Structure formats: structure tokens, C-alpha cells
Amino acid sequence: MAYATSNPPMRLFAPLTGAGSIWQYRSTELGTAVDAAGYFTNAKDLGMKAGDMVLVFESTTNGMRSMGVVSVTSTGADLSDGTTIGSTVNSD
């Protein structure tokens, strides 16, 4: 499944100036798909900037990743590979 502009990431926090916004994105896709260059095709229009953070919630696995915005162009954003900060793995 590809990114749909009808399900954009939501900005949770925005500093007064510059980068450093925190975004939330919920998708059935895994973070490995979301971190593909240009995945968020409307990132520039949304106001994403290099240095922002995106919290990606993988709804099919209940996983969560923190990704950094590496760059933003007119064709989309490139995100870092990310760090898993939550998963459904339970060792009990």
C-alpha cells in the first residue's frame, strides 16, 4: 500500500521557529516502507522540515518507530531508518 494524502501525518508539536516539530503517522505499513525516500509526497506542503521527528505507529503490528526527517524536497521527504520504541514482542 502506498502513502495516501488523505491520511497525512499529524503535527503534534511545532516550535515557534525552525525545525523540531514532532509528527504522528499511523499506517498499516511497516516503518521500513515509510522510511523510503519520497514516501510522504506532500511533506513540503504539510510543513515538514529536516530535523523534525516522525512517530510512526504500525497498526498491523502495534509497533512504533521514531524517525528523523533527513531532507524535504518538492517531491517528498526522506526519513531516517528509525528506532523501534515500542513493539508487540512480550517476553513474559
PDB file of N, CA and C in Angstrom:
ATOM      1  N   MET A   1       0.840  -1.165   0.000  1.00  0.00           N
ATOM      2  CA  MET A   1       0.000   0.000   0.000  1.00  0.00           C
ATOM      3  C   MET A   1       0.894   1.239   0.000  1.00  0.00           C
ATOM      4  N   ALA A   2       0.569   2.185  -0.805  1.00  0.00           N
ATOM      5  CA  ALA A   2       1.340   3.424  -0.890  1.00  0.00           C
ATOM      6  C   ALA A   2       0.720   4.487   0.012  1.00  0.00           C
ATOM      7  N   TYR A   3       1.485   5.535   0.255  1.00  0.00           N
ATOM      8  CA  TYR A   3       1.005   6.657   1.047  1.00  0.00           C
ATOM      9  C   TYR A   3      -0.166   7.326   0.344  1.00  0.00           C
ATOM     10  N   ALA A   4      -1.176   7.695   1.127  1.00  0.00           N
ATOM     11  CA  ALA A   4      -2.332   8.423   0.601  1.00  0.00           C
ATOM     12  C   ALA A   4      -2.402   9.773   1.286  1.00  0.00           C
ATOM     13  N   THR A   5      -2.489  10.837   0.517  1.00  0.00           N
ATOM     14  CA  THR A   5      -2.550  12.179   1.104  1.00  0.00           C
ATOM     15  C   THR A   5      -3.819  12.381   1.933  1.00  0.00           C
ATOM     16  N   SER A   6      -4.772  11.471   1.812  1.00  0.00           N
ATOM     17  CA  SER A   6      -5.981  11.545   2.645  1.00  0.00           C
ATOM     18  C   SER A   6      -5.718  11.051   4.075  1.00  0.00           C
ATOM     19  N   ASN A   7      -4.550  10.450   4.301  1.00  0.00           N
ATOM     20  CA  ASN A   7      -4.136  10.001   5.633  1.00  0.00           C
ATOM     21  C   ASN A   7      -2.756  10.597   5.944  1.00  0.00           C
ATOM     22  N   PRO A   8      -2.686  11.914   6.079  1.00  0.00           N
ATOM     23  CA  PRO A   8      -1.370  12.547   6.275  1.00  0.00           C
ATOM     24  C   PRO A   8      -0.894  12.413   7.728  1.00  0.00           C
ATOM     25  N   PRO A   9       0.401  12.590   7.940  1.00  0.00           N
ATOM     26  CA  PRO A   9       0.878  12.655   9.315  1.00  0.00           C
ATOM     27  C   PRO A   9       0.303  13.899   9.990  1.00  0.00           C
ATOM     28  N   MET A  10       0.132  13.812  11.300  1.00  0.00           N
ATOM     29  CA  MET A  10      -0.430  14.927  12.068  1.00  0.00           C
ATOM     30  C   MET A  10       0.678  15.557  12.915  1.00  0.00           C
ATOM     31  N   ARG A  11       0.770  16.875  12.862  1.00  0.00           N
ATOM     32  CA  ARG A  11       1.770  17.571  13.670  1.00  0.00           C
ATOM     33  C   ARG A  11       1.268  17.657  15.112  1.00  0.00           C
ATOM     34  N   LEU A  12       2.068  17.128  16.032  1.00  0.00           N
ATOM     35  CA  LEU A  12       1.716  17.145  17.451  1.00  0.00           C
ATOM     36  C   LEU A  12       2.317  18.338  18.172  1.00  0.00           C
ATOM     37  N   PHE A  13       3.485  18.771  17.712  1.00  0.00           N
ATOM     38  CA  PHE A  13       4.205  19.872  18.361  1.00  0.00           C
ATOM     39  C   PHE A  13       4.949  20.641  17.299  1.00  0.00           C
ATOM     40  N   ALA A  14       4.948  21.952  17.417  1.00  0.00           N
ATOM     41  CA  ALA A  14       5.696  22.791  16.488  1.00  0.00           C
ATOM     42  C   ALA A  14       6.393  23.895  17.267  1.00  0.00           C
ATOM     43  N   PRO A  15       7.707  24.015  17.116  1.00  0.00           N
ATOM     44  CA  PRO A  15       8.405  25.126  17.762  1.00  0.00           C
ATOM     45  C   PRO A  15       8.029  26.443  17.089  1.00  0.00           C
ATOM     46  N   LEU A  16       8.341  27.531  17.729  1.00  0.00           N
ATOM     47  CA  LEU A  16       7.997  28.835  17.152  1.00  0.00           C
ATOM     48  C   LEU A  16       8.729  29.098  15.851  1.00  0.00           C
ATOM     49  N   THR A  17       9.972  28.632  15.748  1.00  0.00           N
ATOM     50  CA  THR A  17      10.742  28.827  14.523  1.00  0.00           C
ATOM     51  C   THR A  17      11.556  27.579  14.219  1.00  0.00           C
ATOM     52  N   GLY A  18      11.856  27.378  12.953  1.00  0.00           N
ATOM     53  CA  GLY A  18      12.761  26.314  12.533  1.00  0.00           C
ATOM     54  C   GLY A  18      12.199  24.909  12.642  1.00  0.00           C
ATOM     55  N   ALA A  19      13.126  23.949  12.528  1.00  0.00           N
ATOM     56  CA  ALA A  19      12.771  22.537  12.600  1.00  0.00           C
ATOM     57  C   ALA A  19      12.583  22.125  14.056  1.00  0.00           C
ATOM     58  N   GLY A  20      12.150  20.913  14.236  1.00  0.00           N
ATOM     59  CA  GLY A  20      11.954  20.383  15.573  1.00  0.00           C
ATOM     60  C   GLY A  20      10.515  20.004  15.858  1.00  0.00           C
ATOM     61  N   SER A  21       9.678  20.025  14.817  1.00  0.00           N
ATOM     62  CA  SER A  21       8.296  19.586  15.001  1.00  0.00           C
ATOM     63  C   SER A  21       8.267  18.084  15.255  1.00  0.00           C
ATOM     64  N   ILE A  22       7.228  17.637  15.938  1.00  0.00           N
ATOM     65  CA  ILE A  22       7.000  16.216  16.164  1.00  0.00           C
ATOM     66  C   ILE A  22       5.699  15.857  15.459  1.00  0.00           C
ATOM     67  N   TRP A  23       5.774  14.826  14.629  1.00  0.00           N
ATOM     68  CA  TRP A  23       4.645  14.374  13.837  1.00  0.00           C
ATOM     69  C   TRP A  23       4.256  12.964  14.261  1.00  0.00           C
ATOM     70  N   GLN A  24       2.986  12.625  14.090  1.00  0.00           N
ATOM     71  CA  GLN A  24       2.499  11.272  14.318  1.00  0.00           C
ATOM     72  C   GLN A  24       1.908  10.764  13.019  1.00  0.00           C
ATOM     73  N   TYR A  25       2.236   9.523  12.681  1.00  0.00           N
ATOM     74  CA  TYR A  25       1.676   8.911  11.487  1.00  0.00           C
ATOM     75  C   TYR A  25       1.259   7.486  11.806  1.00  0.00           C
ATOM     76  N   ARG A  26       0.041   7.147  11.492  1.00  0.00           N
ATOM     77  CA  ARG A  26      -0.485   5.797  11.734  1.00  0.00           C
ATOM     78  C   ARG A  26      -0.779   5.156  10.381  1.00  0.00           C
ATOM     79  N   SER A  27      -0.265   3.941  10.206  1.00  0.00           N
ATOM     80  CA  SER A  27      -0.438   3.253   8.930  1.00  0.00           C
ATOM     81  C   SER A  27      -0.419   1.746   9.142  1.00  0.00           C
ATOM     82  N   THR A  28      -0.958   1.023   8.184  1.00  0.00           N
ATOM     83  CA  THR A  28      -0.844  -0.424   8.205  1.00  0.00           C
ATOM     84  C   THR A  28       0.509  -0.866   7.667  1.00  0.00           C
ATOM     85  N   GLU A  29       1.240   0.058   7.058  1.00  0.00           N
ATOM     86  CA  GLU A  29       2.558  -0.274   6.507  1.00  0.00           C
ATOM     87  C   GLU A  29       3.614  -0.300   7.609  1.00  0.00           C
ATOM     88  N   LEU A  30       4.632  -1.089   7.389  1.00  0.00           N
ATOM     89  CA  LEU A  30       5.752  -1.151   8.317  1.00  0.00           C
ATOM     90  C   LEU A  30       6.629   0.081   8.160  1.00  0.00           C
ATOM     91  N   GLY A  31       7.367   0.402   9.196  1.00  0.00           N
ATOM     92  CA  GLY A  31       8.275   1.546   9.157  1.00  0.00           C
ATOM     93  C   GLY A  31       9.286   1.454   8.038  1.00  0.00           C
ATOM     94  N   THR A  32       9.651   0.238   7.647  1.00  0.00           N
ATOM     95  CA  THR A  32      10.617   0.069   6.559  1.00  0.00           C
ATOM     96  C   THR A  32      10.068   0.591   5.240  1.00  0.00           C
ATOM     97  N   ALA A  33       8.752   0.614   5.081  1.00  0.00           N
ATOM     98  CA  ALA A  33       8.146   1.204   3.878  1.00  0.00           C
ATOM     99  C   ALA A  33       8.054   2.715   4.013  1.00  0.00           C
ATOM    100  N   VAL A  34       7.724   3.171   5.211  1.00  0.00           N
ATOM    101  CA  VAL A  34       7.548   4.600   5.446  1.00  0.00           C
ATOM    102  C   VAL A  34       8.867   5.362   5.307  1.00  0.00           C
ATOM    103  N   ASP A  35       9.996   4.714   5.619  1.00  0.00           N
ATOM    104  CA  ASP A  35      11.268   5.433   5.535  1.00  0.00           C
ATOM    105  C   ASP A  35      11.834   5.499   4.112  1.00  0.00           C
ATOM    106  N   ALA A  36      11.098   5.014   3.123  1.00  0.00           N
ATOM    107  CA  ALA A  36      11.539   5.112   1.728  1.00  0.00           C
ATOM    108  C   ALA A  36      11.566   6.578   1.298  1.00  0.00           C
ATOM    109  N   ALA A  37      12.589   6.947   0.573  1.00  0.00           N
ATOM    110  CA  ALA A  37      12.723   8.327   0.112  1.00  0.00           C
ATOM    111  C   ALA A  37      11.488   8.740  -0.676  1.00  0.00           C
ATOM    112  N   GLY A  38      10.915   9.878  -0.306  1.00  0.00           N
ATOM    113  CA  GLY A  38       9.760  10.408  -1.010  1.00  0.00           C
ATOM    114  C   GLY A  38       8.430   9.816  -0.594  1.00  0.00           C
ATOM    115  N   TYR A  39       8.400   8.989   0.464  1.00  0.00           N
ATOM    116  CA  TYR A  39       7.149   8.346   0.882  1.00  0.00           C
ATOM    117  C   TYR A  39       6.055   9.378   1.142  1.00  0.00           C
ATOM    118  N   PHE A  40       6.350  10.387   1.948  1.00  0.00           N
ATOM    119  CA  PHE A  40       5.372  11.453   2.200  1.00  0.00           C
ATOM    120  C   PHE A  40       5.472  12.456   1.058  1.00  0.00           C
ATOM    121  N   THR A  41       4.669  12.232   0.035  1.00  0.00           N
ATOM    122  CA  THR A  41       4.783  13.029  -1.194  1.00  0.00           C
ATOM    123  C   THR A  41       4.416  14.494  -0.994  1.00  0.00           C
ATOM    124  N   ASN A  42       3.639  14.799   0.018  1.00  0.00           N
ATOM    125  CA  ASN A  42       3.220  16.184   0.264  1.00  0.00           C
ATOM    126  C   ASN A  42       3.885  16.772   1.513  1.00  0.00           C
ATOM    127  N   ALA A  43       5.039  16.242   1.880  1.00  0.00           N
ATOM    128  CA  ALA A  43       5.734  16.675   3.101  1.00  0.00           C
ATOM    129  C   ALA A  43       5.990  18.180   3.122  1.00  0.00           C
ATOM    130  N   LYS A  44       6.426  18.718   2.000  1.00  0.00           N
ATOM    131  CA  LYS A  44       6.710  20.155   1.942  1.00  0.00           C
ATOM    132  C   LYS A  44       5.442  20.972   2.176  1.00  0.00           C
ATOM    133  N   ASP A  45       4.348  20.560   1.543  1.00  0.00           N
ATOM    134  CA  ASP A  45       3.071  21.261   1.722  1.00  0.00           C
ATOM    135  C   ASP A  45       2.573  21.170   3.165  1.00  0.00           C
ATOM    136  N   LEU A  46       2.858  20.050   3.834  1.00  0.00           N
ATOM    137  CA  LEU A  46       2.454  19.875   5.226  1.00  0.00           C
ATOM    138  C   LEU A  46       3.287  20.735   6.182  1.00  0.00           C
ATOM    139  N   GLY A  47       4.493  21.111   5.732  1.00  0.00           N
ATOM    140  CA  GLY A  47       5.371  21.913   6.574  1.00  0.00           C
ATOM    141  C   GLY A  47       6.485  21.119   7.232  1.00  0.00           C
ATOM    142  N   MET A  48       6.713  19.877   6.793  1.00  0.00           N
ATOM    143  CA  MET A  48       7.810  19.084   7.351  1.00  0.00           C
ATOM    144  C   MET A  48       9.138  19.719   6.986  1.00  0.00           C
ATOM    145  N   LYS A  49      10.087  19.594   7.919  1.00  0.00           N
ATOM    146  CA  LYS A  49      11.427  20.138   7.701  1.00  0.00           C
ATOM    147  C   LYS A  49      12.471  19.131   8.159  1.00  0.00           C
ATOM    148  N   ALA A  50      13.644  19.204   7.544  1.00  0.00           N
ATOM    149  CA  ALA A  50      14.760  18.379   8.013  1.00  0.00           C
ATOM    150  C   ALA A  50      15.004  18.702   9.478  1.00  0.00           C
ATOM    151  N   GLY A  51      15.139  17.665  10.283  1.00  0.00           N
ATOM    152  CA  GLY A  51      15.320  17.848  11.718  1.00  0.00           C
ATOM    153  C   GLY A  51      14.060  17.586  12.521  1.00  0.00           C
ATOM    154  N   ASP A  52      12.921  17.456  11.841  1.00  0.00           N
ATOM    155  CA  ASP A  52      11.680  17.092  12.526  1.00  0.00           C
ATOM    156  C   ASP A  52      11.726  15.609  12.901  1.00  0.00           C
ATOM    157  N   MET A  53      10.838  15.190  13.789  1.00  0.00           N
ATOM    158  CA  MET A  53      10.727  13.790  14.185  1.00  0.00           C
ATOM    159  C   MET A  53       9.339  13.287  13.811  1.00  0.00           C
ATOM    160  N   VAL A  54       9.285  12.032  13.341  1.00  0.00           N
ATOM    161  CA  VAL A  54       8.014  11.401  12.999  1.00  0.00           C
ATOM    162  C   VAL A  54       7.872  10.125  13.828  1.00  0.00           C
ATOM    163  N   LEU A  55       6.798  10.043  14.603  1.00  0.00           N
ATOM    164  CA  LEU A  55       6.470   8.828  15.350  1.00  0.00           C
ATOM    165  C   LEU A  55       5.541   8.012  14.468  1.00  0.00           C
ATOM    166  N   VAL A  56       6.007   6.850  14.040  1.00  0.00           N
ATOM    167  CA  VAL A  56       5.251   6.012  13.123  1.00  0.00           C
ATOM    168  C   VAL A  56       4.651   4.845  13.898  1.00  0.00           C
ATOM    169  N   PHE A  57       3.335   4.753  13.885  1.00  0.00           N
ATOM    170  CA  PHE A  57       2.620   3.658  14.530  1.00  0.00           C
ATOM    171  C   PHE A  57       2.203   2.658  13.457  1.00  0.00           C
ATOM    172  N   GLU A  58       2.722   1.437  13.555  1.00  0.00           N
ATOM    173  CA  GLU A  58       2.413   0.380  12.602  1.00  0.00           C
ATOM    174  C   GLU A  58       1.187  -0.365  13.131  1.00  0.00           C
ATOM    175  N   SER A  59       0.011  -0.021  12.635  1.00  0.00           N
ATOM    176  CA  SER A  59      -1.225  -0.539  13.224  1.00  0.00           C
ATOM    177  C   SER A  59      -1.404  -2.048  13.070  1.00  0.00           C
ATOM    178  N   THR A  60      -0.794  -2.662  12.076  1.00  0.00           N
ATOM    179  CA  THR A  60      -0.946  -4.108  11.920  1.00  0.00           C
ATOM    180  C   THR A  60      -0.095  -4.888  12.920  1.00  0.00           C
ATOM    181  N   THR A  61       0.997  -4.294  13.401  1.00  0.00           N
ATOM    182  CA  THR A  61       1.877  -4.983  14.350  1.00  0.00           C
ATOM    183  C   THR A  61       1.861  -4.336  15.730  1.00  0.00           C
ATOM    184  N   ASN A  62       1.171  -3.206  15.854  1.00  0.00           N
ATOM    185  CA  ASN A  62       1.187  -2.394  17.075  1.00  0.00           C
ATOM    186  C   ASN A  62       2.602  -1.951  17.444  1.00  0.00           C
ATOM    187  N   GLY A  63       3.461  -1.864  16.447  1.00  0.00           N
ATOM    188  CA  GLY A  63       4.824  -1.382  16.659  1.00  0.00           C
ATOM    189  C   GLY A  63       4.890   0.124  16.537  1.00  0.00           C
ATOM    190  N   MET A  64       5.974   0.682  17.054  1.00  0.00           N
ATOM    191  CA  MET A  64       6.167   2.123  17.000  1.00  0.00           C
ATOM    192  C   MET A  64       7.641   2.407  16.709  1.00  0.00           C
ATOM    193  N   ARG A  65       7.881   3.362  15.820  1.00  0.00           N
ATOM    194  CA  ARG A  65       9.250   3.779  15.485  1.00  0.00           C
ATOM    195  C   ARG A  65       9.360   5.292  15.560  1.00  0.00           C
ATOM    196  N   SER A  66      10.517   5.737  15.929  1.00  0.00           N
ATOM    197  CA  SER A  66      10.847   7.154  15.900  1.00  0.00           C
ATOM    198  C   SER A  66      11.798   7.367  14.733  1.00  0.00           C
ATOM    199  N   MET A  67      11.425   8.248  13.814  1.00  0.00           N
ATOM    200  CA  MET A  67      12.239   8.520  12.628  1.00  0.00           C
ATOM    201  C   MET A  67      12.514  10.005  12.519  1.00  0.00           C
ATOM    202  N   GLY A  68      13.680  10.339  12.035  1.00  0.00           N
ATOM    203  CA  GLY A  68      14.030  11.728  11.798  1.00  0.00           C
ATOM    204  C   GLY A  68      13.824  12.087  10.340  1.00  0.00           C
ATOM    205  N   VAL A  69      13.413  13.313  10.086  1.00  0.00           N
ATOM    206  CA  VAL A  69      13.304  13.803   8.712  1.00  0.00           C
ATOM    207  C   VAL A  69      14.699  14.240   8.277  1.00  0.00           C
ATOM    208  N   VAL A  70      15.237  13.562   7.282  1.00  0.00           N
ATOM    209  CA  VAL A  70      16.588  13.843   6.788  1.00  0.00           C
ATOM    210  C   VAL A  70      16.568  15.002   5.802  1.00  0.00           C
ATOM    211  N   SER A  71      15.605  14.974   4.881  1.00  0.00           N
ATOM    212  CA  SER A  71      15.501  16.048   3.898  1.00  0.00           C
ATOM    213  C   SER A  71      14.073  16.133   3.370  1.00  0.00           C
ATOM    214  N   VAL A  72      13.737  17.307   2.856  1.00  0.00           N
ATOM    215  CA  VAL A  72      12.420  17.542   2.260  1.00  0.00           C
ATOM    216  C   VAL A  72      12.641  18.252   0.927  1.00  0.00           C
ATOM    217  N   THR A  73      12.013  17.719  -0.120  1.00  0.00           N
ATOM    218  CA  THR A  73      12.072  18.350  -1.437  1.00  0.00           C
ATOM    219  C   THR A  73      10.635  18.529  -1.929  1.00  0.00           C
ATOM    220  N   SER A  74      10.492  19.060  -3.106  1.00  0.00           N
ATOM    221  CA  SER A  74       9.152  19.256  -3.666  1.00  0.00           C
ATOM    222  C   SER A  74       8.476  17.929  -3.992  1.00  0.00           C
ATOM    223  N   THR A  75       9.235  16.833  -4.035  1.00  0.00           N
ATOM    224  CA  THR A  75       8.649  15.529  -4.360  1.00  0.00           C
ATOM    225  C   THR A  75       8.429  14.651  -3.135  1.00  0.00           C
ATOM    226  N   GLY A  76       8.879  15.075  -1.960  1.00  0.00           N
ATOM    227  CA  GLY A  76       8.639  14.281  -0.759  1.00  0.00           C
ATOM    228  C   GLY A  76       9.720  14.417   0.285  1.00  0.00           C
ATOM    229  N   ALA A  77       9.579  13.645   1.347  1.00  0.00           N
ATOM    230  CA  ALA A  77      10.539  13.676   2.460  1.00  0.00           C
ATOM    231  C   ALA A  77      11.307  12.359   2.506  1.00  0.00           C
ATOM    232  N   ASP A  78      12.541  12.438   2.958  1.00  0.00           N
ATOM    233  CA  ASP A  78      13.351  11.255   3.204  1.00  0.00           C
ATOM    234  C   ASP A  78      13.502  11.133   4.715  1.00  0.00           C
ATOM    235  N   LEU A  79      13.102   9.988   5.273  1.00  0.00           N
ATOM    236  CA  LEU A  79      13.197   9.760   6.704  1.00  0.00           C
ATOM    237  C   LEU A  79      14.339   8.811   7.022  1.00  0.00           C
ATOM    238  N   SER A  80      14.864   8.928   8.229  1.00  0.00           N
ATOM    239  CA  SER A  80      15.900   8.002   8.690  1.00  0.00           C
ATOM    240  C   SER A  80      15.283   6.621   8.881  1.00  0.00           C
ATOM    241  N   ASP A  81      16.126   5.611   9.031  1.00  0.00           N
ATOM    242  CA  ASP A  81      15.649   4.241   9.220  1.00  0.00           C
ATOM    243  C   ASP A  81      14.811   4.111  10.479  1.00  0.00           C
ATOM    244  N   GLY A  82      15.105   4.900  11.467  1.00  0.00           N
ATOM    245  CA  GLY A  82      14.297   4.918  12.672  1.00  0.00           C
ATOM    246  C   GLY A  82      14.760   3.950  13.738  1.00  0.00           C
ATOM    247  N   THR A  83      14.210   4.140  14.899  1.00  0.00           N
ATOM    248  CA  THR A  83      14.494   3.322  16.058  1.00  0.00           C
ATOM    249  C   THR A  83      13.173   2.790  16.588  1.00  0.00           C
ATOM    250  N   THR A  84      13.118   1.488  16.837  1.00  0.00           N
ATOM    251  CA  THR A  84      11.904   0.908  17.409  1.00  0.00           C
ATOM    252  C   THR A  84      11.789   1.355  18.856  1.00  0.00           C
ATOM    253  N   ILE A  85      10.647   1.936  19.207  1.00  0.00           N
ATOM    254  CA  ILE A  85      10.447   2.394  20.586  1.00  0.00           C
ATOM    255  C   ILE A  85       9.266   1.687  21.227  1.00  0.00           C
ATOM    256  N   GLY A  86       8.653   0.789  20.510  1.00  0.00           N
ATOM    257  CA  GLY A  86       7.560   0.005  21.060  1.00  0.00           C
ATOM    258  C   GLY A  86       7.257  -1.137  20.115  1.00  0.00           C
ATOM    259  N   SER A  87       6.897  -2.272  20.640  1.00  0.00           N
ATOM    260  CA  SER A  87       6.561  -3.414  19.789  1.00  0.00           C
ATOM    261  C   SER A  87       5.597  -4.318  20.522  1.00  0.00           C
ATOM    262  N   THR A  88       5.138  -5.335  19.827  1.00  0.00           N
ATOM    263  CA  THR A  88       4.224  -6.292  20.432  1.00  0.00           C
ATOM    264  C   THR A  88       4.955  -7.496  21.006  1.00  0.00           C
ATOM    265  N   VAL A  89       6.286  -7.478  20.935  1.00  0.00           N
ATOM    266  CA  VAL A  89       7.056  -8.577  21.498  1.00  0.00           C
ATOM    267  C   VAL A  89       6.949  -8.513  23.010  1.00  0.00           C
ATOM    268  N   ASN A  90       6.577  -9.628  23.610  1.00  0.00           N
ATOM    269  CA  ASN A  90       6.405  -9.686  25.064  1.00  0.00           C
ATOM    270  C   ASN A  90       7.087 -10.946  25.573  1.00  0.00           C
ATOM    271  N   SER A  91       8.065 -10.800  26.421  1.00  0.00           N
ATOM    272  CA  SER A  91       8.850 -11.941  26.861  1.00  0.00           C
ATOM    273  C   SER A  91       8.307 -12.620  28.122  1.00  0.00           C
ATOM    274  N   ASP A  92       7.115 -12.244  28.615  1.00  0.00           N
ATOM    275  CA  ASP A  92       6.598 -12.913  29.811  1.00  0.00           C
ATOM    276  C   ASP A  92       6.261 -14.357  29.513  1.00  0.00           C
TER     277      ASP A  92
END
